[in-house]
Amino acid sequence: MYVKVENDKSLIVTVFSTIYKGEAGADTIVFLVPSEYEETEIARCSVMLRYITPNQIGHSEQLKLLPEMYNGYLQYAIDVDTDMTAEAGDITLWLSCISYQDAVIFKTGELSVEVKPSPEIEKYLPPEDLDQLDRLEVEVSNLKNTKADNLIFDAEDGSLQLSASGNPIGDEVTVAGGSYNIIDGGGAAK
């Protein structure tokens, strides 16, 4: 997919490609950006892609400057990844150009890119029909959702519980006593 920054800073799609839920590495979005903006060389700045996914999570990623220009425009690229395609629906995206002195040179208007739904065959196949790679992917996904990676402690009621990816798992326990000496990640007591 190619997206061009117009003189009025709007974004238009010049070459369209269809993006499906769950894809990663199938497509690249290339942004065509003018080489200068109000006497500032854009190649000497950071061009950031800002986007909001259909599940209302914001992302910010620095775009990679490609070595060749296209019809007088700089080319900045990003591979479509699973952060972008996690959910079907519209992604709202825009660019911010930031100088090395952290000054915002310009922001573009927004563009809506559709992530189309894709059937998830894994839900309908019996386990013996999945190939080895699919089975491994399912097992890793299950482990991510059930393997403890942190603790949740509530100082008010003294409860302590394991969590996986920010979600409580397992049984909650109550720590005996009424005064808690909490140690942060750096080892300092609070």
N, C-alpha and C. Protein backbone atom coordinates (compact mmCIF):
# COMPACT_ATOMS: atom_id res chain seq x y z
N MET A 1 0.85 -1.17 0.00
CA MET A 1 0.00 0.00 0.00
C MET A 1 0.90 1.23 0.00
N TYR A 2 0.55 2.21 -0.83
CA TYR A 2 1.27 3.49 -0.87
C TYR A 2 0.34 4.60 -0.44
N VAL A 3 0.83 5.46 0.45
CA VAL A 3 0.07 6.60 0.97
C VAL A 3 0.91 7.85 0.75
N LYS A 4 0.30 8.85 0.14
CA LYS A 4 1.03 10.08 -0.20
C LYS A 4 0.58 11.22 0.71
N VAL A 5 1.57 12.02 1.17
CA VAL A 5 1.28 13.24 1.92
C VAL A 5 1.09 14.36 0.90
N GLU A 6 -0.10 14.91 0.84
CA GLU A 6 -0.42 15.99 -0.10
C GLU A 6 0.09 17.33 0.44
N ASN A 7 0.07 18.38 -0.41
CA ASN A 7 0.54 19.71 0.00
C ASN A 7 -0.23 20.27 1.19
N ASP A 8 -1.52 19.91 1.31
CA ASP A 8 -2.32 20.40 2.44
C ASP A 8 -2.19 19.48 3.67
N LYS A 9 -1.22 18.56 3.63
CA LYS A 9 -0.92 17.60 4.71
C LYS A 9 -1.98 16.52 4.88
N SER A 10 -2.87 16.39 3.92
CA SER A 10 -3.81 15.27 3.96
C SER A 10 -3.10 14.02 3.43
N LEU A 11 -3.64 12.86 3.75
CA LEU A 11 -3.08 11.59 3.30
C LEU A 11 -4.04 10.97 2.30
N ILE A 12 -3.50 10.50 1.17
CA ILE A 12 -4.33 9.78 0.21
C ILE A 12 -3.64 8.48 -0.16
N VAL A 13 -4.45 7.44 -0.36
CA VAL A 13 -3.92 6.15 -0.78
C VAL A 13 -3.75 6.19 -2.30
N THR A 14 -2.53 5.94 -2.76
CA THR A 14 -2.27 5.94 -4.20
C THR A 14 -2.21 4.53 -4.77
N VAL A 15 -1.79 3.58 -3.98
CA VAL A 15 -1.81 2.16 -4.36
C VAL A 15 -2.43 1.41 -3.20
N PHE A 16 -3.55 0.76 -3.46
CA PHE A 16 -4.32 0.10 -2.41
C PHE A 16 -3.95 -1.37 -2.31
N SER A 17 -3.95 -1.91 -1.10
CA SER A 17 -3.86 -3.35 -0.89
C SER A 17 -4.79 -3.72 0.25
N THR A 18 -5.33 -4.91 0.19
CA THR A 18 -6.25 -5.39 1.21
C THR A 18 -5.46 -5.99 2.36
N ILE A 19 -5.85 -5.62 3.58
CA ILE A 19 -5.20 -6.12 4.78
C ILE A 19 -6.22 -6.94 5.56
N TYR A 20 -5.83 -8.14 5.98
CA TYR A 20 -6.73 -9.03 6.70
C TYR A 20 -6.29 -9.20 8.16
N LYS A 21 -7.28 -9.45 9.00
CA LYS A 21 -7.02 -9.69 10.42
C LYS A 21 -6.02 -10.84 10.58
N GLY A 22 -5.04 -10.63 11.47
CA GLY A 22 -4.08 -11.68 11.79
C GLY A 22 -2.87 -11.74 10.89
N GLU A 23 -2.82 -10.91 9.84
CA GLU A 23 -1.66 -10.93 8.95
C GLU A 23 -0.45 -10.29 9.63
N ALA A 24 0.70 -10.77 9.25
CA ALA A 24 1.97 -10.18 9.70
C ALA A 24 3.00 -10.40 8.61
N GLY A 25 3.58 -9.31 8.12
CA GLY A 25 4.63 -9.41 7.12
C GLY A 25 4.13 -9.62 5.70
N ALA A 26 2.82 -9.65 5.49
CA ALA A 26 2.30 -9.86 4.14
C ALA A 26 2.34 -8.56 3.33
N ASP A 27 2.22 -7.42 4.00
CA ASP A 27 2.16 -6.13 3.32
C ASP A 27 3.09 -5.13 3.98
N THR A 28 3.46 -4.13 3.20
CA THR A 28 4.22 -3.00 3.69
C THR A 28 3.44 -1.75 3.32
N ILE A 29 3.39 -0.80 4.24
CA ILE A 29 2.79 0.49 3.93
C ILE A 29 3.95 1.45 3.69
N VAL A 30 3.95 2.07 2.51
CA VAL A 30 4.98 3.04 2.14
C VAL A 30 4.33 4.41 2.11
N PHE A 31 4.91 5.35 2.84
CA PHE A 31 4.43 6.73 2.88
C PHE A 31 5.35 7.58 2.01
N LEU A 32 4.76 8.31 1.09
CA LEU A 32 5.50 9.23 0.23
C LEU A 32 5.41 10.61 0.86
N VAL A 33 6.56 11.13 1.30
CA VAL A 33 6.62 12.38 2.06
C VAL A 33 7.46 13.39 1.30
N PRO A 34 7.00 14.66 1.19
CA PRO A 34 7.83 15.67 0.52
C PRO A 34 9.20 15.74 1.19
N SER A 35 10.23 16.03 0.39
CA SER A 35 11.60 16.06 0.94
C SER A 35 11.83 17.28 1.83
N GLU A 36 11.02 18.34 1.66
CA GLU A 36 11.15 19.54 2.49
C GLU A 36 9.78 20.01 2.94
N TYR A 37 9.76 20.63 4.11
CA TYR A 37 8.56 21.30 4.59
C TYR A 37 9.01 22.60 5.25
N GLU A 38 8.57 23.72 4.69
CA GLU A 38 8.94 25.05 5.19
C GLU A 38 10.44 25.13 5.50
N GLU A 39 11.25 24.80 4.51
CA GLU A 39 12.70 24.90 4.55
C GLU A 39 13.38 23.91 5.50
N THR A 40 12.65 22.92 5.97
CA THR A 40 13.23 21.87 6.82
C THR A 40 13.38 20.61 5.98
N GLU A 41 14.59 20.04 5.98
CA GLU A 41 14.82 18.79 5.27
C GLU A 41 14.22 17.65 6.10
N ILE A 42 13.23 17.00 5.55
CA ILE A 42 12.51 15.95 6.28
C ILE A 42 13.42 14.75 6.55
N ALA A 43 14.35 14.46 5.67
CA ALA A 43 15.25 13.31 5.88
C ALA A 43 16.09 13.47 7.14
N ARG A 44 16.20 14.70 7.65
CA ARG A 44 16.97 14.93 8.87
C ARG A 44 16.07 14.88 10.11
N CYS A 45 14.83 14.46 9.93
CA CYS A 45 13.86 14.39 11.02
C CYS A 45 13.42 12.94 11.23
N SER A 46 12.68 12.72 12.29
CA SER A 46 12.04 11.43 12.53
C SER A 46 10.60 11.52 12.05
N VAL A 47 10.20 10.57 11.22
CA VAL A 47 8.81 10.51 10.78
C VAL A 47 8.16 9.37 11.55
N MET A 48 7.15 9.74 12.33
CA MET A 48 6.47 8.79 13.22
C MET A 48 5.10 8.45 12.69
N LEU A 49 4.77 7.17 12.67
CA LEU A 49 3.42 6.73 12.36
C LEU A 49 2.67 6.63 13.68
N ARG A 50 1.55 7.32 13.76
CA ARG A 50 0.67 7.22 14.93
C ARG A 50 -0.60 6.53 14.44
N TYR A 51 -1.06 5.54 15.18
CA TYR A 51 -2.30 4.89 14.75
C TYR A 51 -3.08 4.36 15.95
N ILE A 52 -4.39 4.29 15.74
CA ILE A 52 -5.31 3.77 16.74
C ILE A 52 -6.00 2.57 16.11
N THR A 53 -5.88 1.42 16.76
CA THR A 53 -6.47 0.19 16.24
C THR A 53 -7.97 0.13 16.56
N PRO A 54 -8.71 -0.79 15.92
CA PRO A 54 -10.15 -0.88 16.17
C PRO A 54 -10.51 -1.12 17.64
N ASN A 55 -9.60 -1.69 18.41
CA ASN A 55 -9.88 -1.92 19.84
C ASN A 55 -9.47 -0.72 20.70
N GLN A 56 -9.26 0.44 20.02
CA GLN A 56 -8.99 1.73 20.67
C GLN A 56 -7.68 1.76 21.45
N ILE A 57 -6.65 1.10 20.92
CA ILE A 57 -5.32 1.15 21.51
C ILE A 57 -4.44 1.97 20.58
N GLY A 58 -3.73 2.96 21.13
CA GLY A 58 -2.86 3.82 20.35
C GLY A 58 -1.46 3.25 20.23
N HIS A 59 -0.83 3.50 19.11
CA HIS A 59 0.53 3.04 18.84
C HIS A 59 1.31 4.17 18.19
N SER A 60 2.62 4.17 18.39
CA SER A 60 3.50 5.14 17.77
C SER A 60 4.78 4.42 17.38
N GLU A 61 5.14 4.49 16.09
CA GLU A 61 6.32 3.80 15.61
C GLU A 61 7.08 4.70 14.65
N GLN A 62 8.39 4.68 14.76
CA GLN A 62 9.22 5.44 13.83
C GLN A 62 9.29 4.69 12.52
N LEU A 63 9.07 5.42 11.42
CA LEU A 63 9.13 4.82 10.10
C LEU A 63 10.57 4.75 9.60
N LYS A 64 10.83 3.75 8.78
CA LYS A 64 12.16 3.55 8.22
C LYS A 64 12.25 4.29 6.88
N LEU A 65 13.27 5.14 6.74
CA LEU A 65 13.51 5.86 5.49
C LEU A 65 14.15 4.90 4.49
N LEU A 66 13.51 4.76 3.33
CA LEU A 66 14.06 3.92 2.28
C LEU A 66 15.14 4.69 1.52
N PRO A 67 16.12 4.01 0.95
CA PRO A 67 17.25 4.71 0.33
C PRO A 67 16.91 5.46 -0.96
N GLU A 68 15.88 5.04 -1.66
CA GLU A 68 15.57 5.67 -2.94
C GLU A 68 14.35 6.58 -2.83
N MET A 69 14.40 7.69 -3.58
CA MET A 69 13.25 8.59 -3.64
C MET A 69 12.30 8.10 -4.74
N TYR A 70 11.06 8.56 -4.67
CA TYR A 70 10.07 8.21 -5.68
C TYR A 70 9.43 9.49 -6.19
N ASN A 71 9.72 9.86 -7.43
CA ASN A 71 9.16 11.07 -8.04
C ASN A 71 9.32 12.30 -7.16
N GLY A 72 10.49 12.46 -6.56
CA GLY A 72 10.76 13.64 -5.73
C GLY A 72 10.28 13.51 -4.29
N TYR A 73 9.71 12.38 -3.90
CA TYR A 73 9.22 12.16 -2.54
C TYR A 73 10.13 11.18 -1.81
N LEU A 74 10.34 11.43 -0.53
CA LEU A 74 11.01 10.46 0.33
C LEU A 74 10.05 9.30 0.56
N GLN A 75 10.60 8.11 0.69
CA GLN A 75 9.77 6.94 0.97
C GLN A 75 10.07 6.43 2.38
N TYR A 76 9.03 6.36 3.18
CA TYR A 76 9.13 5.82 4.53
C TYR A 76 8.24 4.58 4.58
N ALA A 77 8.73 3.52 5.22
CA ALA A 77 7.99 2.26 5.18
C ALA A 77 7.82 1.64 6.56
N ILE A 78 6.79 0.84 6.66
CA ILE A 78 6.56 0.01 7.84
C ILE A 78 5.88 -1.27 7.38
N ASP A 79 6.33 -2.39 7.94
CA ASP A 79 5.68 -3.66 7.65
C ASP A 79 4.40 -3.77 8.47
N VAL A 80 3.36 -4.26 7.84
CA VAL A 80 2.11 -4.50 8.56
C VAL A 80 2.37 -5.67 9.50
N ASP A 81 2.08 -5.46 10.80
CA ASP A 81 2.34 -6.50 11.79
C ASP A 81 1.07 -6.84 12.56
N THR A 82 1.20 -7.75 13.50
CA THR A 82 0.03 -8.22 14.24
C THR A 82 -0.54 -7.16 15.18
N ASP A 83 0.25 -6.13 15.57
CA ASP A 83 -0.33 -5.03 16.34
C ASP A 83 -1.40 -4.33 15.52
N MET A 84 -1.14 -4.15 14.23
CA MET A 84 -2.09 -3.48 13.34
C MET A 84 -3.27 -4.37 12.99
N THR A 85 -3.04 -5.66 12.90
CA THR A 85 -4.08 -6.56 12.37
C THR A 85 -4.73 -7.43 13.43
N ALA A 86 -4.56 -7.09 14.69
CA ALA A 86 -5.11 -7.91 15.77
C ALA A 86 -6.63 -7.97 15.73
N GLU A 87 -7.26 -6.90 15.31
CA GLU A 87 -8.72 -6.84 15.27
C GLU A 87 -9.17 -6.36 13.90
N ALA A 88 -10.31 -6.88 13.43
CA ALA A 88 -10.91 -6.38 12.20
C ALA A 88 -11.57 -5.04 12.49
N GLY A 89 -11.58 -4.16 11.51
CA GLY A 89 -12.18 -2.84 11.66
C GLY A 89 -11.26 -1.79 11.08
N ASP A 90 -11.56 -0.52 11.39
CA ASP A 90 -10.79 0.58 10.82
C ASP A 90 -9.65 1.02 11.74
N ILE A 91 -8.47 1.17 11.15
CA ILE A 91 -7.32 1.76 11.83
C ILE A 91 -7.29 3.23 11.43
N THR A 92 -7.18 4.12 12.41
CA THR A 92 -7.01 5.54 12.13
C THR A 92 -5.53 5.84 12.25
N LEU A 93 -4.96 6.39 11.17
CA LEU A 93 -3.52 6.66 11.22
C LEU A 93 -3.20 8.06 10.71
N TRP A 94 -2.05 8.58 11.17
CA TRP A 94 -1.53 9.87 10.73
C TRP A 94 -0.04 9.87 10.98
N LEU A 95 0.65 10.86 10.42
CA LEU A 95 2.10 10.99 10.58
C LEU A 95 2.42 12.24 11.39
N SER A 96 3.51 12.17 12.13
CA SER A 96 4.10 13.34 12.80
C SER A 96 5.56 13.37 12.39
N CYS A 97 6.01 14.53 11.96
CA CYS A 97 7.42 14.72 11.61
C CYS A 97 8.05 15.53 12.74
N ILE A 98 9.10 14.98 13.35
CA ILE A 98 9.70 15.59 14.53
C ILE A 98 11.18 15.83 14.25
N SER A 99 11.63 17.06 14.52
CA SER A 99 13.04 17.39 14.32
C SER A 99 13.87 16.78 15.44
N TYR A 100 15.18 16.77 15.26
CA TYR A 100 16.05 16.21 16.29
C TYR A 100 16.10 17.08 17.54
N GLN A 101 15.54 18.29 17.46
CA GLN A 101 15.42 19.14 18.64
C GLN A 101 14.06 18.93 19.31
N ASP A 102 13.37 17.85 18.96
CA ASP A 102 12.06 17.47 19.49
C ASP A 102 10.96 18.47 19.17
N ALA A 103 11.12 19.22 18.11
CA ALA A 103 10.07 20.14 17.68
C ALA A 103 9.22 19.43 16.62
N VAL A 104 7.92 19.54 16.74
CA VAL A 104 7.03 18.96 15.74
C VAL A 104 7.04 19.86 14.52
N ILE A 105 7.52 19.34 13.41
CA ILE A 105 7.60 20.10 12.17
C ILE A 105 6.21 20.16 11.52
N PHE A 106 5.56 19.02 11.43
CA PHE A 106 4.18 18.99 10.94
C PHE A 106 3.50 17.70 11.34
N LYS A 107 2.18 17.71 11.32
CA LYS A 107 1.34 16.53 11.48
C LYS A 107 0.44 16.47 10.26
N THR A 108 0.11 15.25 9.87
CA THR A 108 -0.79 15.10 8.73
C THR A 108 -2.23 14.94 9.23
N GLY A 109 -3.14 14.97 8.29
CA GLY A 109 -4.51 14.62 8.61
C GLY A 109 -4.61 13.12 8.81
N GLU A 110 -5.77 12.66 9.20
CA GLU A 110 -5.99 11.24 9.47
C GLU A 110 -6.41 10.49 8.21
N LEU A 111 -6.11 9.21 8.22
CA LEU A 111 -6.53 8.30 7.16
C LEU A 111 -7.08 7.06 7.82
N SER A 112 -8.16 6.54 7.29
CA SER A 112 -8.76 5.32 7.82
C SER A 112 -8.41 4.16 6.90
N VAL A 113 -7.83 3.10 7.47
CA VAL A 113 -7.45 1.90 6.72
C VAL A 113 -8.23 0.73 7.31
N GLU A 114 -8.91 0.00 6.45
CA GLU A 114 -9.73 -1.12 6.93
C GLU A 114 -8.91 -2.40 7.05
N VAL A 115 -9.07 -3.06 8.19
CA VAL A 115 -8.56 -4.41 8.37
C VAL A 115 -9.77 -5.33 8.24
N LYS A 116 -9.78 -6.13 7.20
CA LYS A 116 -10.93 -6.98 6.91
C LYS A 116 -10.91 -8.22 7.81
N PRO A 117 -12.11 -8.70 8.15
CA PRO A 117 -12.17 -9.93 8.97
C PRO A 117 -11.64 -11.12 8.18
N SER A 118 -11.16 -12.08 8.90
CA SER A 118 -10.63 -13.30 8.30
C SER A 118 -11.13 -14.48 9.12
N PRO A 119 -11.59 -15.52 8.45
CA PRO A 119 -12.07 -16.67 9.22
C PRO A 119 -10.92 -17.31 10.00
N GLU A 120 -11.25 -17.78 11.19
CA GLU A 120 -10.25 -18.43 12.04
C GLU A 120 -10.55 -19.92 12.05
N ILE A 121 -9.93 -20.63 11.13
CA ILE A 121 -10.19 -22.04 10.92
C ILE A 121 -9.83 -22.89 12.13
N GLU A 122 -8.87 -22.40 12.94
CA GLU A 122 -8.42 -23.18 14.09
C GLU A 122 -9.57 -23.53 15.04
N LYS A 123 -10.58 -22.65 15.11
CA LYS A 123 -11.71 -22.90 16.01
C LYS A 123 -12.55 -24.10 15.56
N TYR A 124 -12.50 -24.43 14.28
CA TYR A 124 -13.38 -25.43 13.71
C TYR A 124 -12.70 -26.76 13.39
N LEU A 125 -11.39 -26.80 13.47
CA LEU A 125 -10.67 -28.03 13.18
C LEU A 125 -10.42 -28.82 14.46
N PRO A 126 -10.57 -30.12 14.40
CA PRO A 126 -10.18 -30.93 15.56
C PRO A 126 -8.66 -30.88 15.71
N PRO A 127 -8.16 -31.03 16.94
CA PRO A 127 -6.72 -30.90 17.18
C PRO A 127 -5.86 -31.80 16.29
N GLU A 128 -6.35 -33.00 15.95
CA GLU A 128 -5.52 -33.91 15.14
C GLU A 128 -5.34 -33.41 13.70
N ASP A 129 -6.19 -32.46 13.27
CA ASP A 129 -6.06 -31.93 11.91
C ASP A 129 -5.11 -30.73 11.82
N LEU A 130 -4.77 -30.16 12.94
CA LEU A 130 -3.85 -29.03 12.91
C LEU A 130 -2.43 -29.55 12.68
N ASP A 131 -1.68 -28.86 11.87
CA ASP A 131 -0.31 -29.30 11.69
C ASP A 131 0.52 -28.90 12.90
N GLN A 132 1.74 -29.36 12.95
CA GLN A 132 2.59 -29.17 14.13
C GLN A 132 2.78 -27.69 14.47
N LEU A 133 2.98 -26.84 13.48
CA LEU A 133 3.17 -25.41 13.72
C LEU A 133 1.92 -24.77 14.32
N ASP A 134 0.75 -25.13 13.79
CA ASP A 134 -0.50 -24.60 14.33
C ASP A 134 -0.69 -25.02 15.79
N ARG A 135 -0.38 -26.28 16.09
CA ARG A 135 -0.51 -26.76 17.47
C ARG A 135 0.41 -26.00 18.40
N LEU A 136 1.63 -25.75 17.94
CA LEU A 136 2.59 -25.00 18.75
C LEU A 136 2.10 -23.58 19.00
N GLU A 137 1.53 -22.95 17.97
CA GLU A 137 1.00 -21.59 18.11
C GLU A 137 -0.14 -21.55 19.14
N VAL A 138 -1.01 -22.53 19.11
CA VAL A 138 -2.12 -22.61 20.07
C VAL A 138 -1.57 -22.81 21.48
N GLU A 139 -0.59 -23.68 21.63
CA GLU A 139 0.00 -23.92 22.95
C GLU A 139 0.67 -22.67 23.50
N VAL A 140 1.41 -21.95 22.67
CA VAL A 140 2.07 -20.71 23.11
C VAL A 140 1.03 -19.69 23.52
N SER A 141 -0.03 -19.56 22.75
CA SER A 141 -1.10 -18.61 23.08
C SER A 141 -1.73 -18.98 24.43
N ASN A 142 -2.00 -20.25 24.64
CA ASN A 142 -2.57 -20.70 25.91
C ASN A 142 -1.62 -20.42 27.07
N LEU A 143 -0.33 -20.65 26.87
CA LEU A 143 0.66 -20.39 27.92
C LEU A 143 0.71 -18.90 28.27
N LYS A 144 0.67 -18.03 27.26
CA LYS A 144 0.71 -16.59 27.51
C LYS A 144 -0.45 -16.16 28.39
N ASN A 145 -1.59 -16.79 28.23
CA ASN A 145 -2.78 -16.39 28.98
C ASN A 145 -2.88 -17.04 30.35
N THR A 146 -2.04 -18.06 30.61
CA THR A 146 -2.16 -18.76 31.88
C THR A 146 -0.88 -18.80 32.71
N LYS A 147 0.25 -18.43 32.13
CA LYS A 147 1.52 -18.46 32.86
C LYS A 147 1.68 -17.16 33.64
N ALA A 148 1.90 -17.27 34.92
CA ALA A 148 2.05 -16.09 35.78
C ALA A 148 3.30 -15.32 35.39
N ASP A 149 3.15 -14.00 35.25
CA ASP A 149 4.29 -13.15 34.94
C ASP A 149 4.41 -11.97 35.90
N ASN A 150 3.50 -11.89 36.88
CA ASN A 150 3.55 -10.78 37.83
C ASN A 150 2.64 -11.10 39.01
N LEU A 151 2.66 -10.20 39.99
CA LEU A 151 1.79 -10.30 41.16
C LEU A 151 0.94 -9.04 41.28
N ILE A 152 -0.27 -9.21 41.78
CA ILE A 152 -1.15 -8.08 42.07
C ILE A 152 -1.33 -8.06 43.59
N PHE A 153 -0.96 -6.95 44.22
CA PHE A 153 -1.09 -6.82 45.67
C PHE A 153 -1.98 -5.64 45.99
N ASP A 154 -2.97 -5.86 46.84
CA ASP A 154 -3.86 -4.79 47.29
C ASP A 154 -3.55 -4.54 48.77
N ALA A 155 -2.89 -3.41 49.06
CA ALA A 155 -2.46 -3.09 50.42
C ALA A 155 -3.65 -2.85 51.34
N GLU A 156 -4.79 -2.46 50.80
CA GLU A 156 -5.96 -2.19 51.64
C GLU A 156 -6.48 -3.44 52.32
N ASP A 157 -6.63 -4.52 51.56
CA ASP A 157 -7.16 -5.74 52.18
C ASP A 157 -6.11 -6.84 52.33
N GLY A 158 -4.86 -6.56 51.92
CA GLY A 158 -3.78 -7.52 52.08
C GLY A 158 -3.87 -8.69 51.13
N SER A 159 -4.61 -8.55 50.02
CA SER A 159 -4.75 -9.67 49.09
C SER A 159 -3.59 -9.68 48.09
N LEU A 160 -3.20 -10.88 47.72
CA LEU A 160 -2.11 -11.11 46.78
C LEU A 160 -2.58 -12.14 45.77
N GLN A 161 -2.33 -11.85 44.47
CA GLN A 161 -2.78 -12.78 43.44
C GLN A 161 -1.81 -12.77 42.27
N LEU A 162 -1.63 -13.93 41.67
CA LEU A 162 -0.81 -14.02 40.46
C LEU A 162 -1.55 -13.38 39.30
N SER A 163 -0.78 -12.90 38.29
CA SER A 163 -1.41 -12.37 37.08
C SER A 163 -0.63 -12.83 35.86
N ALA A 164 -1.34 -12.90 34.74
CA ALA A 164 -0.74 -13.23 33.45
C ALA A 164 -1.20 -12.17 32.47
N SER A 165 -0.26 -11.45 31.88
CA SER A 165 -0.57 -10.36 30.94
C SER A 165 -1.53 -9.35 31.55
N GLY A 166 -1.38 -9.08 32.83
CA GLY A 166 -2.20 -8.08 33.51
C GLY A 166 -3.53 -8.59 34.01
N ASN A 167 -3.88 -9.84 33.75
CA ASN A 167 -5.15 -10.41 34.19
C ASN A 167 -4.93 -11.35 35.37
N PRO A 168 -5.78 -11.24 36.41
CA PRO A 168 -5.63 -12.13 37.56
C PRO A 168 -5.83 -13.59 37.17
N ILE A 169 -4.97 -14.47 37.72
CA ILE A 169 -5.13 -15.92 37.52
C ILE A 169 -4.92 -16.61 38.86
N GLY A 170 -5.42 -17.78 38.98
CA GLY A 170 -5.23 -18.55 40.20
C GLY A 170 -6.06 -18.00 41.35
N ASP A 171 -5.82 -18.56 42.53
CA ASP A 171 -6.56 -18.17 43.72
C ASP A 171 -5.91 -16.97 44.40
N GLU A 172 -6.74 -16.07 44.88
CA GLU A 172 -6.26 -14.91 45.64
C GLU A 172 -6.00 -15.36 47.07
N VAL A 173 -4.92 -14.87 47.67
CA VAL A 173 -4.61 -15.18 49.06
C VAL A 173 -4.53 -13.88 49.85
N THR A 174 -4.73 -13.98 51.15
CA THR A 174 -4.62 -12.82 52.02
C THR A 174 -3.35 -12.96 52.84
N VAL A 175 -2.55 -11.92 52.86
CA VAL A 175 -1.31 -11.90 53.61
C VAL A 175 -1.64 -11.51 55.05
N ALA A 176 -1.17 -12.30 56.01
CA ALA A 176 -1.47 -12.04 57.42
C ALA A 176 -0.77 -10.76 57.89
N GLY A 177 -1.41 -10.05 58.81
CA GLY A 177 -0.83 -8.83 59.37
C GLY A 177 -1.53 -7.61 58.82
N GLY A 178 -1.30 -6.49 59.45
CA GLY A 178 -2.01 -5.29 59.02
C GLY A 178 -1.09 -4.21 58.50
N SER A 179 0.21 -4.36 58.67
CA SER A 179 1.16 -3.35 58.21
C SER A 179 2.04 -4.01 57.16
N TYR A 180 2.12 -3.39 55.98
CA TYR A 180 2.85 -4.00 54.88
C TYR A 180 4.03 -3.14 54.50
N ASN A 181 5.18 -3.78 54.37
CA ASN A 181 6.39 -3.12 53.92
C ASN A 181 6.60 -3.56 52.47
N ILE A 182 6.21 -2.70 51.52
CA ILE A 182 6.24 -3.06 50.10
C ILE A 182 7.60 -2.66 49.52
N ILE A 183 8.19 -3.59 48.77
CA ILE A 183 9.47 -3.32 48.12
C ILE A 183 9.21 -3.15 46.64
N ASP A 184 9.67 -2.02 46.08
CA ASP A 184 9.47 -1.80 44.64
C ASP A 184 10.48 -2.61 43.85
N GLY A 185 10.40 -2.53 42.51
CA GLY A 185 11.26 -3.30 41.63
C GLY A 185 12.75 -3.02 41.83
N GLY A 186 13.10 -1.86 42.37
CA GLY A 186 14.51 -1.52 42.59
C GLY A 186 15.03 -1.99 43.93
N GLY A 187 14.19 -2.61 44.75
CA GLY A 187 14.60 -3.13 46.04
C GLY A 187 14.41 -2.15 47.20
N ALA A 188 13.85 -0.98 46.95
CA ALA A 188 13.65 0.02 48.01
C ALA A 188 12.32 -0.21 48.69
N ALA A 189 12.31 -0.17 50.02
CA ALA A 189 11.07 -0.35 50.78
C ALA A 189 10.24 0.94 50.72
N LYS A 190 8.91 0.75 50.66
CA LYS A 190 8.00 1.90 50.67
C LYS A 190 7.24 1.94 51.98
